[in-house]
Amino acid sequence: MIDSPVPTAAASRALDTPTRNIQLTGQQIGGWFVARYIAAMIGIYVALVTPASVTLAIRVGQLDPDGKAGSLALVASVGAAAALFANPIFGAMSDRSTSRFGQRRPYIITGFVIGGAAVFAIGFAPNIALVAVGWALAQVAFNAALAAFIAVMPERVPTALRGRVSGFMGMTGQVGVVGGTFLAQIVGTDGAGMFIWPAVVGALLVLPFVLTLREHPRSRDEVGCFTLSTVFSALWINPFQHRDFGFAWAGRFLAWTSLYLLTTYKTYFLIDHLGYTTEDVAPILTLAMFVLAVGVAVSSIGGGWLSDRIGRRKPFVILASLLFVAAMLVVAFSTSVEMFLVGIAIAGLGNGLYLGVDYALVAEILPDSSVAAAKGMGVFNLSSTIPQTIAPLLAPALLLIASDGGSGNYTSLYLCAAALSLAGALLIQFIRGVR
């Protein structure tokens, strides 16, 4: 692999000055800027995570009811593989943008428009192959938008406020899922509306931020050229050279693999393990997503604020991983929907606490944050993107452990998920550059 290119002298002089944040942000770092930023992030997740968590599984089940587990694994893996490359590569392209409209805004707008069109197409796809193509395109486009969008955080938010902003960012995914699930329940799951309406609502939430975002165009001398070596370096930050970043990446990778084993297969858990059907599972999924979102909101906002107050990040991330362990154990032995919802609630607390502090933690150990924020955040986001591919590939094998046939052994699936979360908690303790 190739390490990130050395910034030019001009770029270093222009970007590594102490006043850069002030010049970029001016009066934008305030409540209104943060509100628009968080609303836009919710909008992106309404459009992207709703299919990933709910409607994609339903659509696959409609098209292939007998082979839904394998078909979902195929579709999810293809989409995650597309996201795997799109996020860091488009992030690096955004870092080197000299557009007169700014570095980040063109990628956010273009990515969302193309992603929305791809999601529309999934709603009308007649077979699994076209669903997979549509989902791959949606993942590429939405991740291009996300890569540019998340780079705004380390660029514009001062260190003293990053925990609080990170806390609000941490809840956006689940708020997006709950909103999208609610919309899907209103419009039904028989037509394309369950894909169309989340994308439309997401666009309405993104518009206020992108229309008011002010960016200063940068010159080619400042940002450098985008070459073939840039493409390869966009996928890699040396974990031996940047040890803390490597441990943070690996810890999040394990935690998110565990989480995706729960969220990707929760629909089939309810159907195959607890006896629900594709017709009556939607209300339970809505309730589960609501419970998850409440847990995320409480722990994300509270954890981010508290981490700013005490100036520590690691203990919160470790505790979040341990909450994942507890959640997976509860779900593994669930025999009723009530017990399942308890596990979901604990997972929500862990998920929110992790996200509420994790962005702040990585922003403080991010290599070359002054010249390649989008690339660094893009590589870090691979730790949550790759598990989208790994989880569906692992799950069929884990379901076979001690299985008596039929739908598979969900207890073994979630016990293994608990073990992954525990390993992730252990890795975070080795980070030295942040408390």
Protein backbone atom coordinates (compact mmCIF):
# COMPACT_ATOMS: atom_id res chain seq x y z
CA MET A 1 0.00 0.00 0.00
CA ILE A 2 1.03 3.62 -0.52
CA ASP A 3 1.06 6.14 2.30
CA SER A 4 -0.63 9.51 1.86
CA PRO A 5 1.35 11.97 -0.28
CA VAL A 6 3.39 14.67 1.40
CA PRO A 7 1.55 18.01 1.17
CA THR A 8 3.18 20.74 -0.84
CA ALA A 9 4.95 23.57 0.92
CA ALA A 10 2.29 25.96 -0.28
CA ALA A 11 -0.44 23.78 1.15
CA SER A 12 1.34 23.51 4.46
CA ARG A 13 1.80 27.27 4.73
CA ALA A 14 -1.79 27.93 3.74
CA LEU A 15 -3.50 25.29 5.85
CA ASP A 16 -1.41 24.72 8.94
CA THR A 17 -1.81 28.22 10.29
CA PRO A 18 -3.47 28.65 13.69
CA THR A 19 -6.07 30.96 12.17
CA ARG A 20 -7.34 28.56 9.54
CA ASN A 21 -10.35 27.38 11.56
CA ILE A 22 -11.32 30.95 12.35
CA GLN A 23 -10.99 31.99 8.72
CA LEU A 24 -13.04 29.06 7.51
CA THR A 25 -15.73 29.14 10.11
CA GLY A 26 -16.09 32.79 10.99
CA GLN A 27 -19.48 33.14 12.62
CA GLN A 28 -20.68 29.79 11.29
CA ILE A 29 -19.66 27.86 14.41
CA GLY A 30 -22.79 28.48 16.38
CA GLY A 31 -26.10 26.86 17.17
CA TRP A 32 -27.63 27.54 13.76
CA PHE A 33 -24.65 26.08 11.89
CA VAL A 34 -24.69 22.96 14.08
CA ALA A 35 -28.47 22.59 13.71
CA ARG A 36 -28.25 22.71 9.90
CA TYR A 37 -25.30 20.33 9.93
CA ILE A 38 -27.03 17.74 12.12
CA ALA A 39 -30.31 18.02 10.21
CA ALA A 40 -28.48 17.41 6.94
CA MET A 41 -26.73 14.36 8.36
CA ILE A 42 -30.11 12.99 9.47
CA GLY A 43 -31.36 13.58 5.94
CA ILE A 44 -28.54 11.58 4.37
CA TYR A 45 -29.19 8.73 6.78
CA VAL A 46 -32.96 8.80 6.20
CA ALA A 47 -32.24 8.11 2.54
CA LEU A 48 -29.37 5.63 3.02
CA VAL A 49 -29.82 3.74 6.28
CA THR A 50 -33.56 3.13 5.96
CA PRO A 51 -33.02 0.73 3.05
CA ALA A 52 -29.98 -0.82 4.72
CA SER A 53 -31.83 -1.49 7.98
CA VAL A 54 -35.43 -2.11 6.96
CA THR A 55 -36.79 -1.79 3.45
CA LEU A 56 -34.02 -3.57 1.55
CA ALA A 57 -34.62 -6.76 3.54
CA ILE A 58 -38.36 -6.46 2.92
CA ARG A 59 -37.86 -5.91 -0.82
CA VAL A 60 -35.50 -8.88 -1.08
CA GLY A 61 -38.01 -11.01 0.85
CA GLN A 62 -40.73 -10.00 -1.60
CA LEU A 63 -38.65 -10.91 -4.65
CA ASP A 64 -37.08 -14.10 -3.24
CA PRO A 65 -39.05 -15.34 -0.21
CA ASP A 66 -37.42 -18.79 -0.14
CA GLY A 67 -33.82 -17.67 -0.51
CA LYS A 68 -34.05 -14.30 1.21
CA ALA A 69 -31.09 -14.82 3.58
CA GLY A 70 -28.65 -15.62 0.80
CA SER A 71 -30.04 -12.95 -1.52
CA LEU A 72 -29.82 -10.29 1.19
CA ALA A 73 -26.23 -11.34 1.88
CA LEU A 74 -25.44 -10.89 -1.82
CA VAL A 75 -27.12 -7.49 -2.14
CA ALA A 76 -25.71 -6.14 1.13
CA SER A 77 -22.20 -7.37 0.31
CA VAL A 78 -22.20 -5.83 -3.17
CA GLY A 79 -23.38 -2.52 -1.76
CA ALA A 80 -20.89 -2.55 1.08
CA ALA A 81 -18.04 -3.38 -1.31
CA ALA A 82 -19.01 -0.35 -3.39
CA ALA A 83 -19.08 1.85 -0.28
CA LEU A 84 -15.73 0.44 0.79
CA PHE A 85 -13.98 2.18 -2.10
CA ALA A 86 -16.29 5.15 -2.60
CA ASN A 87 -15.97 6.73 0.83
CA PRO A 88 -12.18 7.23 1.04
CA ILE A 89 -11.62 7.79 -2.70
CA PHE A 90 -14.28 10.48 -3.00
CA GLY A 91 -13.04 11.90 0.28
CA ALA A 92 -9.57 12.30 -1.21
CA MET A 93 -11.07 13.83 -4.35
CA SER A 94 -12.97 16.27 -2.16
CA ASP A 95 -9.73 17.20 -0.36
CA ARG A 96 -8.23 18.14 -3.72
CA SER A 97 -11.24 19.94 -5.15
CA THR A 98 -10.67 23.42 -6.59
CA SER A 99 -14.29 24.00 -7.60
CA ARG A 100 -15.49 27.57 -7.28
CA PHE A 101 -18.45 26.13 -5.34
CA GLY A 102 -16.08 24.79 -2.65
CA GLN A 103 -14.45 21.52 -1.67
CA ARG A 104 -17.32 19.76 0.05
CA ARG A 105 -20.60 21.12 -1.28
CA PRO A 106 -20.38 19.79 -4.88
CA TYR A 107 -19.78 16.25 -3.63
CA ILE A 108 -22.60 16.44 -1.10
CA ILE A 109 -25.14 17.65 -3.67
CA THR A 110 -24.09 15.38 -6.55
CA GLY A 111 -23.77 12.32 -4.32
CA PHE A 112 -27.20 12.78 -2.79
CA VAL A 113 -28.94 13.36 -6.14
CA ILE A 114 -27.42 10.24 -7.73
CA GLY A 115 -27.99 8.18 -4.58
CA GLY A 116 -31.62 9.25 -4.44
CA ALA A 117 -32.15 8.24 -8.07
CA ALA A 118 -30.59 4.82 -7.40
CA VAL A 119 -32.83 4.24 -4.40
CA PHE A 120 -35.86 5.17 -6.50
CA ALA A 121 -34.80 2.50 -9.00
CA ILE A 122 -34.60 -0.20 -6.32
CA GLY A 123 -38.26 0.36 -5.57
CA PHE A 124 -39.11 -0.65 -9.15
CA ALA A 125 -36.47 -3.38 -9.63
CA PRO A 126 -38.06 -6.66 -10.82
CA ASN A 127 -35.30 -9.02 -9.67
CA ILE A 128 -32.46 -9.44 -7.19
CA ALA A 129 -29.74 -8.63 -9.74
CA LEU A 130 -31.13 -5.17 -10.43
CA VAL A 131 -31.66 -4.57 -6.71
CA ALA A 132 -27.96 -5.32 -6.20
CA VAL A 133 -26.94 -2.93 -9.01
CA GLY A 134 -29.17 -0.19 -7.65
CA TRP A 135 -27.91 -0.66 -4.11
CA ALA A 136 -24.27 -0.58 -5.23
CA LEU A 137 -24.83 2.71 -7.07
CA ALA A 138 -26.71 4.15 -4.08
CA GLN A 139 -23.86 3.21 -1.75
CA VAL A 140 -21.24 4.79 -4.02
CA ALA A 141 -23.17 8.03 -4.36
CA PHE A 142 -24.32 8.45 -0.76
CA ASN A 143 -20.85 7.58 0.56
CA ALA A 144 -19.33 10.20 -1.73
CA ALA A 145 -21.68 12.70 -0.10
CA LEU A 146 -20.91 11.42 3.40
CA ALA A 147 -17.14 11.55 2.90
CA ALA A 148 -17.28 15.24 2.05
CA PHE A 149 -19.91 15.94 4.69
CA ILE A 150 -18.13 14.38 7.67
CA ALA A 151 -14.90 16.21 6.80
CA VAL A 152 -16.65 19.42 7.84
CA MET A 153 -16.46 18.29 11.49
CA PRO A 154 -12.65 18.17 12.01
CA GLU A 155 -12.21 21.21 9.73
CA ARG A 156 -14.69 23.57 11.32
CA VAL A 157 -15.53 22.42 14.84
CA PRO A 158 -13.06 23.47 17.60
CA THR A 159 -11.66 20.72 19.83
CA ALA A 160 -13.52 21.99 22.89
CA LEU A 161 -16.88 21.50 21.14
CA ARG A 162 -16.20 18.26 19.28
CA GLY A 163 -17.66 15.99 21.95
CA ARG A 164 -20.99 17.80 21.90
CA VAL A 165 -21.18 17.99 18.10
CA SER A 166 -20.03 14.36 17.89
CA GLY A 167 -22.79 13.48 20.34
CA PHE A 168 -25.44 14.97 18.08
CA MET A 169 -23.82 13.30 15.06
CA GLY A 170 -23.97 9.98 16.87
CA MET A 171 -27.74 9.98 17.08
CA THR A 172 -28.36 10.93 13.45
CA GLY A 173 -28.23 7.41 12.04
CA GLN A 174 -30.90 6.03 14.32
CA VAL A 175 -33.07 9.12 14.04
CA GLY A 176 -32.85 8.64 10.28
CA VAL A 177 -33.77 4.97 10.54
CA VAL A 178 -36.76 5.64 12.82
CA GLY A 179 -38.01 8.42 10.58
CA GLY A 180 -37.58 6.27 7.48
CA THR A 181 -39.22 3.25 9.11
CA PHE A 182 -42.15 5.43 10.17
CA LEU A 183 -42.52 6.71 6.61
CA ALA A 184 -42.35 3.16 5.25
CA GLN A 185 -45.10 2.09 7.64
CA ILE A 186 -47.29 5.02 6.53
CA VAL A 187 -46.87 4.40 2.78
CA GLY A 188 -46.78 0.60 3.13
CA THR A 189 -44.25 -2.01 2.05
CA ASP A 190 -45.93 -3.26 -1.12
CA GLY A 191 -44.71 -0.59 -3.54
CA ALA A 192 -41.82 1.71 -4.30
CA GLY A 193 -43.01 4.33 -1.83
CA MET A 194 -41.00 2.77 1.00
CA PHE A 195 -37.86 3.78 -0.94
CA ILE A 196 -39.06 7.02 -2.53
CA TRP A 197 -40.38 8.91 0.49
CA PRO A 198 -37.31 8.52 2.73
CA ALA A 199 -35.16 9.92 -0.10
CA VAL A 200 -37.52 12.87 -0.63
CA VAL A 201 -37.63 13.73 3.07
CA GLY A 202 -33.84 13.31 3.27
CA ALA A 203 -33.37 15.81 0.44
CA LEU A 204 -35.52 18.40 2.24
CA LEU A 205 -33.31 18.06 5.33
CA VAL A 206 -30.04 18.33 3.39
CA LEU A 207 -30.97 21.42 1.36
CA PRO A 208 -30.74 24.09 4.11
CA PHE A 209 -27.16 23.10 4.91
CA VAL A 210 -25.78 22.82 1.38
CA LEU A 211 -27.51 26.01 0.23
CA THR A 212 -26.02 28.06 3.06
CA LEU A 213 -22.58 26.42 3.38
CA ARG A 214 -19.90 28.96 2.57
CA GLU A 215 -16.56 27.66 1.35
CA HIS A 216 -13.47 29.43 0.06
CA PRO A 217 -12.26 27.98 -3.27
CA ARG A 218 -8.74 26.61 -3.04
CA SER A 219 -6.02 26.64 -5.67
CA ARG A 220 -4.26 23.66 -7.21
CA ASP A 221 -1.02 24.72 -5.51
CA GLU A 222 -2.76 24.40 -2.13
CA VAL A 223 -4.43 21.02 -2.59
CA GLY A 224 -2.12 19.23 -5.03
CA CYS A 225 -3.08 17.08 -8.01
CA PHE A 226 -5.32 14.02 -7.97
CA THR A 227 -3.33 11.17 -9.52
CA LEU A 228 -3.49 7.38 -9.66
CA SER A 229 -1.28 7.20 -6.57
CA THR A 230 -3.83 9.38 -4.78
CA VAL A 231 -6.50 6.76 -5.46
CA PHE A 232 -4.44 4.02 -3.80
CA SER A 233 -3.28 6.20 -0.93
CA ALA A 234 -6.91 7.19 -0.29
CA LEU A 235 -7.58 3.63 0.89
CA TRP A 236 -4.71 3.42 3.34
CA ILE A 237 -3.26 5.05 6.44
CA ASN A 238 -0.31 3.12 7.82
CA PRO A 239 -1.41 1.69 11.22
CA PHE A 240 2.21 1.14 12.26
CA GLN A 241 3.18 4.72 11.54
CA HIS A 242 -0.08 6.02 13.06
CA ARG A 243 -0.53 3.52 15.89
CA ASP A 244 -3.39 5.23 17.73
CA PHE A 245 -5.38 5.57 14.53
CA GLY A 246 -4.85 1.86 13.86
CA PHE A 247 -6.18 0.80 17.28
CA ALA A 248 -9.17 3.13 16.97
CA TRP A 249 -9.90 1.73 13.52
CA ALA A 250 -9.64 -1.91 14.62
CA GLY A 251 -11.74 -1.38 17.74
CA ARG A 252 -14.52 0.24 15.77
CA PHE A 253 -14.31 -2.46 13.09
CA LEU A 254 -14.98 -5.21 15.63
CA ALA A 255 -17.73 -3.28 17.39
CA TRP A 256 -19.51 -2.48 14.15
CA THR A 257 -19.26 -6.05 12.85
CA SER A 258 -21.06 -7.07 16.01
CA LEU A 259 -23.67 -4.35 15.58
CA TYR A 260 -24.35 -5.20 11.92
CA LEU A 261 -24.90 -8.84 12.83
CA LEU A 262 -27.77 -7.57 14.98
CA THR A 263 -29.24 -4.88 12.74
CA THR A 264 -28.92 -6.69 9.40
CA TYR A 265 -30.57 -9.87 10.64
CA LYS A 266 -33.04 -8.49 13.17
CA THR A 267 -35.90 -8.80 10.65
CA TYR A 268 -35.15 -12.47 10.04
CA PHE A 269 -34.63 -13.03 13.78
CA LEU A 270 -38.17 -11.82 14.40
CA ILE A 271 -39.54 -13.92 11.55
CA ASP A 272 -37.55 -17.14 11.94
CA HIS A 273 -36.92 -17.15 15.71
CA LEU A 274 -39.92 -15.37 17.21
CA GLY A 275 -42.56 -16.39 14.66
CA TYR A 276 -43.54 -13.13 12.94
CA THR A 277 -44.36 -12.89 9.23
CA THR A 278 -43.38 -10.40 6.52
CA GLU A 279 -46.90 -8.97 6.81
CA ASP A 280 -46.92 -8.27 10.57
CA VAL A 281 -43.23 -7.65 11.29
CA ALA A 282 -43.21 -3.95 10.27
CA PRO A 283 -44.83 -2.59 13.49
CA ILE A 284 -42.36 -4.55 15.64
CA LEU A 285 -39.46 -3.23 13.57
CA THR A 286 -40.79 0.30 14.01
CA LEU A 287 -41.00 -0.17 17.77
CA ALA A 288 -37.51 -1.71 17.87
CA MET A 289 -36.06 1.17 15.85
CA PHE A 290 -37.79 3.67 18.14
CA VAL A 291 -36.34 1.98 21.23
CA LEU A 292 -32.92 1.91 19.57
CA ALA A 293 -33.16 5.57 18.62
CA VAL A 294 -34.13 6.66 22.13
CA GLY A 295 -31.13 4.80 23.55
CA VAL A 296 -28.86 6.32 20.92
CA ALA A 297 -30.14 9.86 21.50
CA VAL A 298 -29.81 9.68 25.28
CA SER A 299 -26.32 8.20 25.41
CA SER A 300 -24.93 9.99 22.35
CA ILE A 301 -25.81 13.53 23.40
CA GLY A 302 -25.11 12.88 27.08
CA GLY A 303 -21.87 11.03 26.41
CA GLY A 304 -20.55 13.67 24.00
CA TRP A 305 -21.32 16.50 26.42
CA LEU A 306 -19.78 14.65 29.38
CA SER A 307 -16.63 13.75 27.44
CA ASP A 308 -16.10 17.45 26.66
CA ARG A 309 -16.65 18.33 30.30
CA ILE A 310 -14.10 15.88 31.71
CA GLY A 311 -11.75 15.93 28.70
CA ARG A 312 -11.67 12.15 28.23
CA ARG A 313 -12.76 9.97 25.28
CA LYS A 314 -11.43 6.43 25.74
CA PRO A 315 -13.48 5.36 28.79
CA PHE A 316 -16.71 6.18 26.96
CA VAL A 317 -15.76 4.15 23.87
CA ILE A 318 -14.70 1.17 26.01
CA LEU A 319 -17.95 1.31 27.98
CA ALA A 320 -19.91 1.49 24.72
CA SER A 321 -18.25 -1.71 23.49
CA LEU A 322 -19.12 -3.46 26.75
CA LEU A 323 -22.74 -2.37 26.36
CA PHE A 324 -22.68 -4.05 22.94
CA VAL A 325 -21.53 -7.23 24.66
CA ALA A 326 -24.45 -7.08 27.11
CA ALA A 327 -26.93 -6.35 24.30
CA MET A 328 -25.81 -9.30 22.21
CA LEU A 329 -26.05 -11.64 25.19
CA VAL A 330 -29.62 -10.53 25.91
CA VAL A 331 -30.69 -10.93 22.28
CA ALA A 332 -28.90 -14.28 22.00
CA PHE A 333 -31.11 -15.76 24.69
CA SER A 334 -34.32 -13.91 23.82
CA THR A 335 -37.47 -16.02 23.76
CA SER A 336 -39.95 -13.14 23.53
CA VAL A 337 -40.26 -9.82 21.76
CA GLU A 338 -40.03 -8.02 25.11
CA MET A 339 -36.64 -9.57 25.84
CA PHE A 340 -35.53 -8.74 22.29
CA LEU A 341 -36.51 -5.10 22.82
CA VAL A 342 -34.49 -4.98 26.05
CA GLY A 343 -31.45 -6.11 24.08
CA ILE A 344 -32.19 -3.49 21.41
CA ALA A 345 -32.40 -0.80 24.10
CA ILE A 346 -29.00 -1.76 25.52
CA ALA A 347 -27.56 -1.82 21.98
CA GLY A 348 -28.96 1.67 21.46
CA LEU A 349 -27.20 2.95 24.58
CA GLY A 350 -23.94 1.39 23.42
CA ASN A 351 -24.33 2.57 19.85
CA GLY A 352 -25.09 6.14 20.89
CA LEU A 353 -22.27 6.31 23.42
CA TYR A 354 -19.78 4.97 20.86
CA LEU A 355 -20.84 7.37 18.13
CA GLY A 356 -21.23 10.25 20.55
CA VAL A 357 -17.55 10.19 21.45
CA ASP A 358 -15.93 8.28 18.60
CA TYR A 359 -15.92 11.13 16.05
CA ALA A 360 -14.35 13.41 18.67
CA LEU A 361 -11.75 10.78 19.55
CA VAL A 362 -10.64 10.13 15.98
CA ALA A 363 -10.62 13.86 15.12
CA GLU A 364 -7.89 14.28 17.75
CA ILE A 365 -5.69 11.47 16.41
CA LEU A 366 -6.42 11.96 12.70
CA PRO A 367 -3.21 12.06 10.62
CA ASP A 368 -2.79 15.13 8.39
CA SER A 369 -6.14 16.58 9.46
CA SER A 370 -5.18 20.04 8.21
CA VAL A 371 -4.69 18.93 4.60
CA ALA A 372 -6.58 15.65 4.20
CA ALA A 373 -9.49 15.61 6.63
CA ALA A 374 -11.88 13.90 4.21
CA LYS A 375 -9.35 11.22 3.33
CA GLY A 376 -8.63 10.47 7.00
CA MET A 377 -12.28 10.34 7.95
CA GLY A 378 -12.95 8.26 4.84
CA VAL A 379 -10.35 5.67 5.82
CA PHE A 380 -11.72 5.66 9.36
CA ASN A 381 -15.25 5.15 8.04
CA LEU A 382 -14.02 1.95 6.38
CA SER A 383 -14.07 0.51 9.91
CA SER A 384 -17.86 0.74 9.79
CA THR A 385 -18.26 0.11 6.05
CA ILE A 386 -16.30 -3.14 5.79
CA PRO A 387 -18.43 -4.78 8.51
CA GLN A 388 -21.44 -4.30 6.21
CA THR A 389 -19.70 -6.79 3.92
CA ILE A 390 -18.26 -9.03 6.64
CA ALA A 391 -21.45 -9.41 8.69
CA PRO A 392 -23.63 -10.87 5.90
CA LEU A 393 -20.81 -13.25 4.93
CA LEU A 394 -20.20 -14.37 8.53
CA ALA A 395 -23.84 -14.74 9.50
CA PRO A 396 -24.79 -17.82 7.41
CA ALA A 397 -21.81 -19.74 8.86
CA LEU A 398 -22.51 -18.59 12.42
CA LEU A 399 -26.17 -19.55 12.08
CA LEU A 400 -25.07 -23.12 11.31
CA ILE A 401 -23.19 -23.54 14.62
CA ALA A 402 -25.06 -26.13 16.70
CA SER A 403 -28.04 -25.68 14.37
CA ASP A 404 -30.73 -28.33 14.06
CA GLY A 405 -31.52 -27.17 10.55
CA GLY A 406 -34.39 -24.92 9.63
CA SER A 407 -33.79 -21.21 10.06
CA GLY A 408 -30.44 -21.49 11.86
CA ASN A 409 -29.11 -20.88 15.37
CA TYR A 410 -29.48 -17.21 16.24
CA THR A 411 -28.07 -17.82 19.73
CA SER A 412 -24.69 -18.74 18.26
CA LEU A 413 -24.85 -15.77 15.92
CA TYR A 414 -25.24 -13.24 18.72
CA LEU A 415 -22.85 -14.95 21.13
CA CYS A 416 -20.16 -14.54 18.48
CA ALA A 417 -21.23 -10.91 18.09
CA ALA A 418 -20.71 -10.42 21.83
CA ALA A 419 -17.19 -11.84 21.58
CA LEU A 420 -16.32 -9.40 18.78
CA SER A 421 -17.50 -6.43 20.85
CA LEU A 422 -15.41 -7.55 23.81
CA ALA A 423 -12.30 -7.76 21.62
CA GLY A 424 -13.03 -4.24 20.32
CA ALA A 425 -13.18 -2.88 23.87
CA LEU A 426 -9.77 -4.35 24.62
CA LEU A 427 -8.14 -2.72 21.58
CA ILE A 428 -9.32 0.79 22.49
CA GLN A 429 -7.31 0.61 25.72
CA PHE A 430 -4.05 0.63 23.73
CA ILE A 431 -4.65 4.15 22.34
CA ARG A 432 -2.13 6.54 23.92
CA GLY A 433 -2.57 9.86 22.09
CA VAL A 434 -5.93 10.69 23.65
CA ARG A 435 -7.26 10.17 27.16
